[in-house]
Amino acid sequence: MAEYDLIVIGSGPAGRMAAISASKLEKRVAIVERTLCVGGICLHKGTIPSKTLREAASYLSGVNQREVYGSAYRVKERVTIKDLMLRTNRVTETEVNVVRDQLIRNYIEIIDGTASFVDPHTIVVKSEDGSVRTLTTEKTVIAVGTRPARPPDIQFDDRRVIDSDGLLCLDEIPRSMIFVGAGIVGTEYATIFRTLGVRVTVIDGRERPLDFIDDEIEDALYYHMRDEGITLLFGETVSSVRLTDNDKVEVETESGKKLHCDSLMFAAGRVGASGVLNLKAIGIEADGRGRIKVDENFRTVQENIYAVGDIIGFPSLASTAMEQGRLAALDAFGVKAEHMFSQLPFGVYTIPEIAMIGPTEEELTKDSVPYETGIARFRELSRAHISGGRTGMLKLLFHRETLRLLGVHILGEHATELVHIGQAVIHHEGSVKYFRDTVFNYPTLAEAYKIAALNGLNKVGIEV
């Protein structure tokens, strides 16, 4: 008889939810975490620290109040790394305690160490003190997450040349930074550090790095970034990176441009942290990015082993990962559950934020769907002026004939909160008329839905 019904490898959002879901089915569950603190990359290196850093930078720099108090307004004149990390560390510590309490309350054993497979039902855990423990289990959920990809020809020193993990360990805020890679991570950090007064340049080989975002929203973000003084070099590829004698970083592009900065961050994507699992012992092969292939129930080629979260690739969202973990645990023990909605919300925590759910205009055009748009500008909202900001827009996409809401795309502060109003209407196949007929508190940013709906209905000739 196996020692556990389920062992979960990794205590991030996906692993935590898988463990808790199995425990609620009265299963014997253990969770293995190689660090002494639970929470995974999301809590210690990714989502929580970066978003807390964003909030600290926005507040201390006073960026959201400058429309009211002037461009010279600052909460603190000179922001230091210590100022930023004080808040970040406090939030992380609190969240670690919350996660640990959740696991303990649900009778889940927490095992510190690095897990590797011996066979499909046997796992060896090596702790930092050198001790080794062998565990047996009926089912396993792999939720080990990812780590930043590091190009082999780049010399990282975690001070001048860093990745997203190293950025959280800087001793001081650089005066100038170059970000190589304008995906979600690179763009988020670029806008955060520009808010702190850092001279920022972003380089990416693609002409439209955030091409999954609606074109109009993406263009508006790039306009805002340039307006804030960020240099965007798209369609440019880095050919060399060199550390100079005067403690600078020299970057040369294939087009011949030479740039210098105090610190360079590579945001070259992430790779699955599956290398230490000894997957060959259980007949599982990871792809070139370290990711594991699963079926619609998150089961690997080994029928008793599941994989969830970033380790399986797109969409690599903490919110999605939690639901994947829950569904995998239920399937592992024969409990039927409704699968996730096909439409998932996305959030990009740039300054300002971006959020979306549903298809873009480009996708609807490609699929020959007759649609119309309704747009509200945040400068039309009293709440935006009261809060000190004007930048932003909310776009509704709806079917011209049925008026069914198809998509919501938002740029502006609190976009990642606002999108869930549209999410509920989309999932219930609601009409854009809902926003015309409902009453929103005034003044609120949510009122943008009504303004956008009225704008869109006017375009299709419906009396409002």
Protein backbone atom coordinates (compact mmCIF):
# COMPACT_ATOMS: atom_id res chain seq x y z
CA MET A 1 0.00 0.00 0.00
CA ALA A 2 1.32 3.41 -0.99
CA GLU A 3 2.29 5.89 1.69
CA TYR A 4 0.26 8.66 0.03
CA ASP A 5 -2.74 8.84 -2.25
CA LEU A 6 -1.27 11.93 -3.90
CA ILE A 7 2.10 13.66 -3.92
CA VAL A 8 2.26 17.13 -5.43
CA ILE A 9 5.68 18.38 -6.55
CA GLY A 10 5.71 22.16 -6.23
CA SER A 11 3.72 24.46 -3.95
CA GLY A 12 2.84 27.27 -6.36
CA PRO A 13 -0.78 28.13 -7.25
CA ALA A 14 -1.28 24.97 -9.35
CA GLY A 15 0.28 22.57 -6.85
CA ARG A 16 -1.38 24.14 -3.85
CA MET A 17 -4.85 23.87 -5.39
CA ALA A 18 -4.25 20.28 -6.50
CA ALA A 19 -3.19 19.30 -2.97
CA ILE A 20 -6.10 21.05 -1.27
CA SER A 21 -8.65 19.61 -3.71
CA ALA A 22 -7.39 16.07 -3.11
CA SER A 23 -7.35 16.58 0.65
CA LYS A 24 -10.99 17.67 0.58
CA LEU A 25 -11.70 14.27 -0.99
CA GLU A 26 -10.20 12.82 2.22
CA LYS A 27 -7.05 11.62 0.47
CA ARG A 28 -3.61 11.37 2.08
CA VAL A 29 -1.66 14.19 0.48
CA ALA A 30 1.91 15.48 0.66
CA ILE A 31 3.40 18.46 -1.12
CA VAL A 32 7.13 18.62 -1.88
CA GLU A 33 8.80 22.04 -2.09
CA ARG A 34 12.53 22.41 -2.64
CA THR A 35 12.72 25.77 -0.88
CA LEU A 36 12.07 26.21 2.81
CA CYS A 37 9.20 28.58 2.04
CA VAL A 38 6.04 27.42 0.30
CA GLY A 39 4.41 29.36 -2.50
CA GLY A 40 6.56 28.55 -5.50
CA ILE A 41 8.01 30.89 -8.09
CA CYS A 42 4.74 32.83 -8.29
CA LEU A 43 5.08 33.96 -4.68
CA HIS A 44 8.86 34.35 -4.38
CA LYS A 45 10.14 35.36 -7.82
CA GLY A 46 7.20 36.06 -10.11
CA THR A 47 3.67 37.35 -9.86
CA ILE A 48 3.48 38.53 -6.26
CA PRO A 49 6.90 40.28 -6.00
CA SER A 50 6.63 41.93 -9.42
CA LYS A 51 3.11 43.21 -8.84
CA THR A 52 4.00 44.43 -5.36
CA LEU A 53 7.05 46.16 -6.81
CA ARG A 54 4.76 47.81 -9.35
CA GLU A 55 2.42 49.12 -6.66
CA ALA A 56 5.31 50.40 -4.55
CA ALA A 57 6.88 52.15 -7.54
CA SER A 58 3.57 53.71 -8.59
CA TYR A 59 2.85 55.00 -5.09
CA LEU A 60 6.31 56.28 -4.14
CA SER A 61 6.90 57.93 -7.51
CA GLY A 62 3.48 59.64 -7.36
CA VAL A 63 2.88 58.85 -11.03
CA ASN A 64 -0.88 58.44 -10.60
CA GLN A 65 -1.30 61.86 -8.98
CA ARG A 66 0.70 64.04 -11.35
CA GLU A 67 -2.35 65.04 -13.37
CA VAL A 68 -3.60 66.72 -10.20
CA TYR A 69 -0.45 67.92 -8.43
CA GLY A 70 1.91 68.49 -11.37
CA SER A 71 4.71 66.59 -13.07
CA ALA A 72 7.14 67.29 -10.19
CA TYR A 73 4.96 65.51 -7.61
CA ARG A 74 6.64 62.68 -5.70
CA VAL A 75 5.68 60.87 -2.50
CA LYS A 76 9.41 60.37 -1.94
CA GLU A 77 11.98 62.36 -3.89
CA ARG A 78 14.54 59.59 -4.21
CA VAL A 79 13.21 56.03 -4.16
CA THR A 80 15.69 53.30 -3.23
CA ILE A 81 15.71 49.53 -3.63
CA LYS A 82 15.27 49.32 0.13
CA ASP A 83 12.00 51.29 -0.16
CA LEU A 84 10.70 48.94 -2.84
CA MET A 85 11.78 45.70 -1.20
CA LEU A 86 10.38 46.69 2.21
CA ARG A 87 6.86 46.41 0.85
CA THR A 88 7.66 43.46 -1.39
CA ASN A 89 9.21 41.40 1.41
CA ARG A 90 6.36 42.19 3.78
CA VAL A 91 3.72 41.05 1.27
CA THR A 92 5.70 37.90 0.44
CA GLU A 93 6.11 37.01 4.11
CA THR A 94 2.40 37.45 4.72
CA GLU A 95 1.47 35.33 1.70
CA VAL A 96 3.86 32.54 2.72
CA ASN A 97 2.13 32.34 6.09
CA VAL A 98 -1.29 32.29 4.40
CA VAL A 99 -0.27 29.45 2.06
CA ARG A 100 1.36 27.41 4.83
CA ASP A 101 -1.73 27.85 6.99
CA GLN A 102 -3.97 26.67 4.14
CA LEU A 103 -1.92 23.52 3.70
CA ILE A 104 -1.77 22.76 7.42
CA ARG A 105 -5.51 23.33 7.90
CA ASN A 106 -6.18 20.86 5.10
CA TYR A 107 -3.97 18.16 6.70
CA ILE A 108 -1.39 18.28 3.91
CA GLU A 109 2.13 17.22 4.85
CA ILE A 110 4.78 19.70 3.69
CA ILE A 111 8.08 18.05 2.74
CA ASP A 112 11.16 20.22 2.15
CA GLY A 113 13.53 19.03 -0.56
CA THR A 114 14.08 18.31 -4.24
CA ALA A 115 11.97 15.51 -5.71
CA SER A 116 12.97 13.07 -8.42
CA PHE A 117 11.28 9.94 -9.75
CA VAL A 118 12.51 6.40 -9.26
CA ASP A 119 9.46 4.86 -10.93
CA PRO A 120 5.84 5.98 -11.51
CA HIS A 121 4.95 5.30 -7.87
CA THR A 122 8.22 6.09 -6.09
CA ILE A 123 9.77 9.51 -5.46
CA VAL A 124 13.05 10.35 -3.74
CA VAL A 125 13.29 13.68 -1.90
CA LYS A 126 16.72 15.12 -1.09
CA SER A 127 16.73 17.86 1.54
CA GLU A 128 19.25 20.69 1.83
CA ASP A 129 20.80 19.06 4.88
CA GLY A 130 21.70 16.02 2.77
CA SER A 131 19.03 13.68 4.12
CA VAL A 132 17.14 11.48 1.68
CA ARG A 133 13.58 10.23 1.98
CA THR A 134 11.82 7.75 -0.28
CA LEU A 135 8.07 8.20 -0.76
CA THR A 136 5.46 6.00 -2.42
CA THR A 137 2.28 7.33 -3.96
CA GLU A 138 -0.69 6.24 -6.03
CA LYS A 139 -0.93 9.52 -7.95
CA THR A 140 1.43 12.42 -8.60
CA VAL A 141 0.87 15.98 -9.81
CA ILE A 142 3.91 17.77 -11.25
CA ALA A 143 3.66 21.51 -10.66
CA VAL A 144 7.29 22.63 -10.60
CA GLY A 145 6.81 25.79 -12.67
CA THR A 146 9.50 27.49 -14.74
CA ARG A 147 12.71 29.50 -14.53
CA PRO A 148 14.02 32.35 -16.70
CA ALA A 149 15.69 31.26 -19.93
CA ARG A 150 19.35 32.32 -20.16
CA PRO A 151 20.98 32.48 -23.61
CA PRO A 152 24.23 30.46 -23.39
CA ASP A 153 26.33 33.18 -25.05
CA ILE A 154 25.40 35.86 -22.50
CA GLN A 155 27.48 36.37 -19.37
CA PHE A 156 25.04 36.92 -16.48
CA ASP A 157 26.48 38.40 -13.30
CA ASP A 158 23.20 39.21 -11.48
CA ARG A 159 24.24 42.86 -11.17
CA ARG A 160 24.85 44.38 -14.57
CA VAL A 161 23.45 41.55 -16.72
CA ILE A 162 20.43 39.95 -15.10
CA ASP A 163 17.22 38.02 -15.70
CA SER A 164 13.85 38.62 -14.03
CA ASP A 165 14.97 36.72 -10.90
CA GLY A 166 18.13 38.80 -10.60
CA LEU A 167 16.20 42.02 -10.99
CA LEU A 168 14.62 41.45 -7.58
CA CYS A 169 18.11 41.21 -6.05
CA LEU A 170 19.60 44.48 -7.32
CA ASP A 171 21.55 46.47 -4.74
CA GLU A 172 20.45 49.83 -6.15
CA ILE A 173 18.22 51.29 -8.83
CA PRO A 174 20.28 51.76 -12.02
CA ARG A 175 20.25 55.10 -13.80
CA SER A 176 19.78 53.40 -17.15
CA MET A 177 18.48 49.97 -18.19
CA ILE A 178 18.06 48.02 -21.40
CA PHE A 179 15.43 45.28 -21.54
CA VAL A 180 15.96 42.62 -24.21
CA GLY A 181 12.57 41.10 -24.91
CA ALA A 182 9.31 43.03 -24.96
CA GLY A 183 6.98 40.26 -23.92
CA ILE A 184 4.85 40.52 -20.80
CA VAL A 185 7.72 40.36 -18.29
CA GLY A 186 10.02 42.75 -20.15
CA THR A 187 7.29 45.29 -20.80
CA GLU A 188 6.01 45.20 -17.23
CA TYR A 189 9.42 45.81 -15.71
CA ALA A 190 10.33 48.43 -18.32
CA THR A 191 7.33 50.57 -17.39
CA ILE A 192 7.92 50.03 -13.67
CA PHE A 193 11.52 51.22 -13.78
CA ARG A 194 10.70 54.13 -16.09
CA THR A 195 8.21 55.26 -13.45
CA LEU A 196 11.14 55.38 -11.02
CA GLY A 197 13.03 57.73 -13.35
CA VAL A 198 15.31 55.15 -14.95
CA ARG A 199 16.28 55.77 -18.59
CA VAL A 200 14.79 52.73 -20.32
CA THR A 201 15.34 51.14 -23.73
CA VAL A 202 13.44 48.05 -24.88
CA ILE A 203 14.76 45.83 -27.69
CA ASP A 204 12.83 43.06 -29.43
CA GLY A 205 13.27 41.31 -32.74
CA ARG A 206 9.52 41.34 -33.36
CA GLU A 207 7.69 44.34 -34.79
CA ARG A 208 4.70 43.70 -32.51
CA PRO A 209 5.92 41.78 -29.44
CA LEU A 210 2.52 41.73 -27.69
CA ASP A 211 0.70 40.49 -30.76
CA PHE A 212 -1.90 38.54 -28.76
CA ILE A 213 -3.32 41.88 -27.57
CA ASP A 214 -5.84 43.84 -29.61
CA ASP A 215 -3.90 46.06 -32.05
CA GLU A 216 -5.51 49.30 -30.90
CA ILE A 217 -4.77 48.55 -27.25
CA GLU A 218 -1.20 47.50 -28.08
CA ASP A 219 -0.64 50.67 -30.09
CA ALA A 220 -2.00 52.78 -27.24
CA LEU A 221 0.40 51.13 -24.79
CA TYR A 222 3.41 51.75 -27.05
CA TYR A 223 2.32 55.37 -27.55
CA HIS A 224 2.12 55.82 -23.78
CA MET A 225 5.52 54.17 -23.25
CA ARG A 226 7.16 56.44 -25.82
CA ASP A 227 5.37 59.46 -24.34
CA GLU A 228 6.90 58.58 -20.98
CA GLY A 229 10.36 58.55 -22.52
CA ILE A 230 10.92 54.82 -23.13
CA THR A 231 12.89 54.05 -26.28
CA LEU A 232 11.37 51.15 -28.22
CA LEU A 233 13.63 49.37 -30.69
CA PHE A 234 11.41 46.78 -32.35
CA GLY A 235 12.57 44.67 -35.26
CA GLU A 236 16.09 44.82 -33.78
CA THR A 237 18.15 41.79 -32.73
CA VAL A 238 20.97 41.90 -30.20
CA SER A 239 24.24 40.63 -31.69
CA SER A 240 26.54 41.09 -28.69
CA VAL A 241 26.63 42.10 -25.04
CA ARG A 242 29.89 43.26 -23.47
CA LEU A 243 30.83 44.41 -19.97
CA THR A 244 33.01 47.53 -20.24
CA ASP A 245 35.89 48.66 -18.03
CA ASN A 246 33.86 51.57 -16.63
CA ASP A 247 31.28 49.21 -15.09
CA LYS A 248 28.78 49.66 -17.93
CA VAL A 249 27.10 47.26 -20.33
CA GLU A 250 27.56 47.72 -24.08
CA VAL A 251 24.91 46.27 -26.37
CA GLU A 252 25.29 46.03 -30.12
CA THR A 253 22.46 45.17 -32.50
CA GLU A 254 22.69 43.41 -35.83
CA SER A 255 21.84 46.70 -37.54
CA GLY A 256 24.99 48.24 -36.06
CA LYS A 257 23.53 50.28 -33.20
CA LYS A 258 25.64 50.54 -30.04
CA LEU A 259 23.93 51.24 -26.73
CA HIS A 260 25.26 51.62 -23.20
CA CYS A 261 23.49 51.16 -19.87
CA ASP A 262 24.11 50.49 -16.19
CA SER A 263 22.10 47.27 -16.21
CA LEU A 264 20.63 44.97 -18.84
CA MET A 265 17.78 42.53 -18.26
CA PHE A 266 17.13 39.59 -20.55
CA ALA A 267 13.45 38.68 -20.74
CA ALA A 268 13.95 35.79 -23.14
CA GLY A 269 11.00 33.74 -21.98
CA ARG A 270 10.96 30.93 -19.43
CA VAL A 271 11.76 27.22 -19.49
CA GLY A 272 10.21 24.43 -17.47
CA ALA A 273 12.02 23.50 -14.25
CA SER A 274 11.74 19.79 -15.06
CA GLY A 275 15.44 18.97 -15.34
CA VAL A 276 15.83 17.58 -11.80
CA LEU A 277 12.77 15.32 -11.88
CA ASN A 278 14.47 12.36 -13.63
CA LEU A 279 11.54 12.09 -16.04
CA LYS A 280 13.28 9.37 -18.05
CA ALA A 281 12.67 6.97 -15.17
CA ILE A 282 8.93 7.25 -15.77
CA GLY A 283 8.96 7.44 -19.57
CA ILE A 284 8.08 11.13 -19.85
CA GLU A 285 9.98 13.45 -22.20
CA ALA A 286 10.02 17.22 -21.84
CA ASP A 287 10.26 19.38 -24.96
CA GLY A 288 13.10 21.74 -25.80
CA ARG A 289 11.69 24.34 -23.39
CA GLY A 290 11.40 21.85 -20.54
CA ARG A 291 7.61 21.61 -20.82
CA ILE A 292 5.55 18.47 -20.33
CA LYS A 293 2.78 17.39 -22.71
CA VAL A 294 -0.61 16.54 -21.20
CA ASP A 295 -4.07 15.59 -22.42
CA GLU A 296 -7.32 17.48 -21.84
CA ASN A 297 -7.43 16.19 -18.26
CA PHE A 298 -3.80 17.22 -17.57
CA ARG A 299 -2.67 13.58 -17.55
CA THR A 300 0.80 12.76 -18.90
CA VAL A 301 1.70 9.60 -20.83
CA GLN A 302 1.90 7.92 -17.41
CA GLU A 303 -1.73 7.44 -16.43
CA ASN A 304 -1.17 8.08 -12.73
CA ILE A 305 0.95 11.23 -13.22
CA TYR A 306 -0.44 14.68 -14.03
CA ALA A 307 1.22 18.00 -14.84
CA VAL A 308 -0.28 21.46 -14.34
CA GLY A 309 0.68 25.13 -14.35
CA ASP A 310 3.52 26.79 -16.21
CA ILE A 311 5.30 23.47 -16.74
CA ILE A 312 2.74 22.60 -19.44
CA GLY A 313 3.07 25.93 -21.25
CA PHE A 314 0.44 28.38 -22.47
CA PRO A 315 -1.29 30.30 -20.99
CA SER A 316 1.09 30.24 -17.99
CA LEU A 317 -1.22 32.25 -15.74
CA ALA A 318 -1.45 31.78 -11.98
CA SER A 319 -5.24 32.03 -12.17
CA THR A 320 -5.47 29.35 -14.84
CA ALA A 321 -2.90 27.18 -13.08
CA MET A 322 -5.04 27.01 -9.93
CA GLU A 323 -7.99 25.71 -11.90
CA GLN A 324 -5.77 23.21 -13.73
CA GLY A 325 -4.56 21.90 -10.38
CA ARG A 326 -8.09 21.47 -9.09
CA LEU A 327 -9.28 19.68 -12.22
CA ALA A 328 -6.25 17.38 -12.29
CA ALA A 329 -6.80 16.30 -8.68
CA LEU A 330 -10.48 15.63 -9.28
CA ASP A 331 -9.76 13.60 -12.41
CA ALA A 332 -7.05 11.63 -10.60
CA PHE A 333 -9.63 10.32 -8.14
CA GLY A 334 -12.49 9.81 -10.56
CA VAL A 335 -14.53 12.92 -9.72
CA LYS A 336 -16.18 14.49 -12.74
CA ALA A 337 -16.01 18.27 -12.98
CA GLU A 338 -16.94 20.96 -15.46
CA HIS A 339 -13.95 22.04 -17.50
CA MET A 340 -12.73 25.61 -17.55
CA PHE A 341 -14.47 28.17 -19.71
CA SER A 342 -12.76 28.50 -23.06
CA GLN A 343 -12.56 32.28 -22.65
CA LEU A 344 -9.95 33.19 -20.05
CA PRO A 345 -9.05 36.68 -18.82
CA PHE A 346 -5.53 37.98 -19.38
CA GLY A 347 -3.83 40.71 -17.38
CA VAL A 348 -0.61 42.56 -18.17
CA TYR A 349 0.62 44.62 -15.22
CA THR A 350 2.33 47.37 -17.13
CA ILE A 351 1.86 51.01 -16.13
CA PRO A 352 -0.91 51.46 -17.17
CA GLU A 353 -2.42 47.97 -16.97
CA ILE A 354 -3.85 45.94 -19.84
CA ALA A 355 -6.61 43.34 -19.52
CA MET A 356 -8.61 41.40 -22.05
CA ILE A 357 -11.02 38.54 -22.52
CA GLY A 358 -12.35 37.16 -25.76
CA PRO A 359 -11.16 37.55 -29.35
CA THR A 360 -9.46 40.64 -30.76
CA GLU A 361 -10.70 42.64 -33.73
CA GLU A 362 -8.06 40.96 -35.86
CA GLU A 363 -9.27 37.48 -34.91
CA LEU A 364 -12.93 38.34 -35.54
CA THR A 365 -12.03 39.79 -38.94
CA LYS A 366 -10.05 36.66 -39.84
CA ASP A 367 -13.02 34.48 -38.87
CA SER A 368 -15.47 36.68 -40.85
CA VAL A 369 -17.56 37.46 -37.76
CA PRO A 370 -19.76 40.54 -38.22
CA TYR A 371 -18.90 42.72 -35.23
CA GLU A 372 -18.99 46.28 -34.00
CA THR A 373 -16.99 48.15 -31.39
CA GLY A 374 -18.00 50.37 -28.52
CA ILE A 375 -15.32 52.54 -26.96
CA ALA A 376 -15.06 54.61 -23.79
CA ARG A 377 -12.06 56.83 -23.07
CA PHE A 378 -11.03 57.16 -19.45
CA ARG A 379 -10.74 60.91 -19.92
CA GLU A 380 -14.55 60.88 -20.15
CA LEU A 381 -14.86 59.41 -16.65
CA SER A 382 -15.18 61.60 -13.58
CA ARG A 383 -13.61 58.86 -11.45
CA ALA A 384 -10.46 58.89 -13.57
CA HIS A 385 -10.03 62.62 -12.99
CA ILE A 386 -10.72 62.26 -9.28
CA SER A 387 -8.09 59.51 -9.04
CA GLY A 388 -5.56 61.64 -10.89
CA GLY A 389 -5.32 59.77 -14.18
CA ARG A 390 -6.56 60.23 -17.73
CA THR A 391 -4.80 57.48 -19.67
CA GLY A 392 -6.95 54.58 -20.68
CA MET A 393 -9.75 53.15 -22.78
CA LEU A 394 -12.27 50.33 -22.67
CA LYS A 395 -13.34 48.59 -25.86
CA LEU A 396 -16.31 46.27 -26.26
CA LEU A 397 -16.59 43.91 -29.23
CA PHE A 398 -20.08 42.61 -29.95
CA HIS A 399 -21.95 40.80 -32.72
CA ARG A 400 -23.65 43.29 -35.05
CA GLU A 401 -26.77 41.17 -35.47
CA THR A 402 -27.34 39.43 -32.14
CA LEU A 403 -25.59 42.13 -30.04
CA ARG A 404 -23.96 39.34 -28.02
CA LEU A 405 -20.83 40.51 -26.21
CA LEU A 406 -17.76 38.86 -27.73
CA GLY A 407 -14.75 40.54 -26.18
CA VAL A 408 -13.53 43.20 -23.76
CA HIS A 409 -10.17 44.97 -24.10
CA ILE A 410 -8.98 47.55 -21.57
CA LEU A 411 -5.97 49.81 -21.11
CA GLY A 412 -5.74 51.84 -17.90
CA GLU A 413 -5.48 51.67 -14.15
CA HIS A 414 -7.53 48.84 -12.57
CA ALA A 415 -8.00 47.22 -15.99
CA THR A 416 -7.31 43.79 -14.48
CA GLU A 417 -10.20 44.31 -12.06
CA LEU A 418 -12.62 45.84 -14.56
CA VAL A 419 -12.32 43.01 -17.07
CA HIS A 420 -14.22 40.60 -14.82
CA ILE A 421 -17.46 42.53 -15.32
CA GLY A 422 -17.26 41.76 -19.02
CA GLN A 423 -16.12 38.21 -18.29
CA ALA A 424 -19.36 37.43 -16.45
CA VAL A 425 -21.51 38.79 -19.28
CA ILE A 426 -19.54 36.86 -21.92
CA HIS A 427 -19.77 33.57 -20.04
CA HIS A 428 -23.53 33.98 -19.71
CA GLU A 429 -23.82 34.87 -23.41
CA GLY A 430 -25.16 38.30 -22.53
CA SER A 431 -25.94 41.20 -24.81
CA VAL A 432 -24.18 44.53 -24.92
CA LYS A 433 -27.61 45.96 -24.08
CA TYR A 434 -27.01 44.80 -20.52
CA PHE A 435 -24.54 47.63 -20.01
CA ARG A 436 -27.00 50.15 -21.46
CA ASP A 437 -29.81 49.04 -19.18
CA THR A 438 -27.96 48.42 -15.92
CA VAL A 439 -27.08 51.08 -13.34
CA PHE A 440 -23.46 51.63 -12.30
CA ASN A 441 -22.37 53.52 -9.22
CA TYR A 442 -21.27 57.05 -10.02
CA PRO A 443 -18.50 58.04 -10.17
CA THR A 444 -16.72 54.76 -10.95
CA LEU A 445 -14.41 53.40 -13.62
CA ALA A 446 -16.97 50.65 -14.23
CA GLU A 447 -19.19 53.31 -15.75
CA ALA A 448 -16.95 52.96 -18.82
CA TYR A 449 -18.97 49.87 -19.75
CA LYS A 450 -22.14 51.94 -20.13
CA ILE A 451 -20.37 54.64 -22.15
CA ALA A 452 -18.81 52.04 -24.44
CA ALA A 453 -22.14 50.24 -24.88
CA LEU A 454 -23.93 53.45 -25.82
CA ASN A 455 -21.15 54.26 -28.28
CA GLY A 456 -21.41 50.84 -29.90
CA LEU A 457 -25.22 50.73 -30.06
CA ASN A 458 -25.24 54.12 -31.73
CA LYS A 459 -23.01 52.70 -34.47
CA VAL A 460 -25.52 49.95 -35.32
CA GLY A 461 -28.46 52.36 -35.32
CA ILE A 462 -30.16 51.21 -32.13
CA GLU A 463 -31.93 53.92 -30.20
CA VAL A 464 -30.47 54.34 -26.76
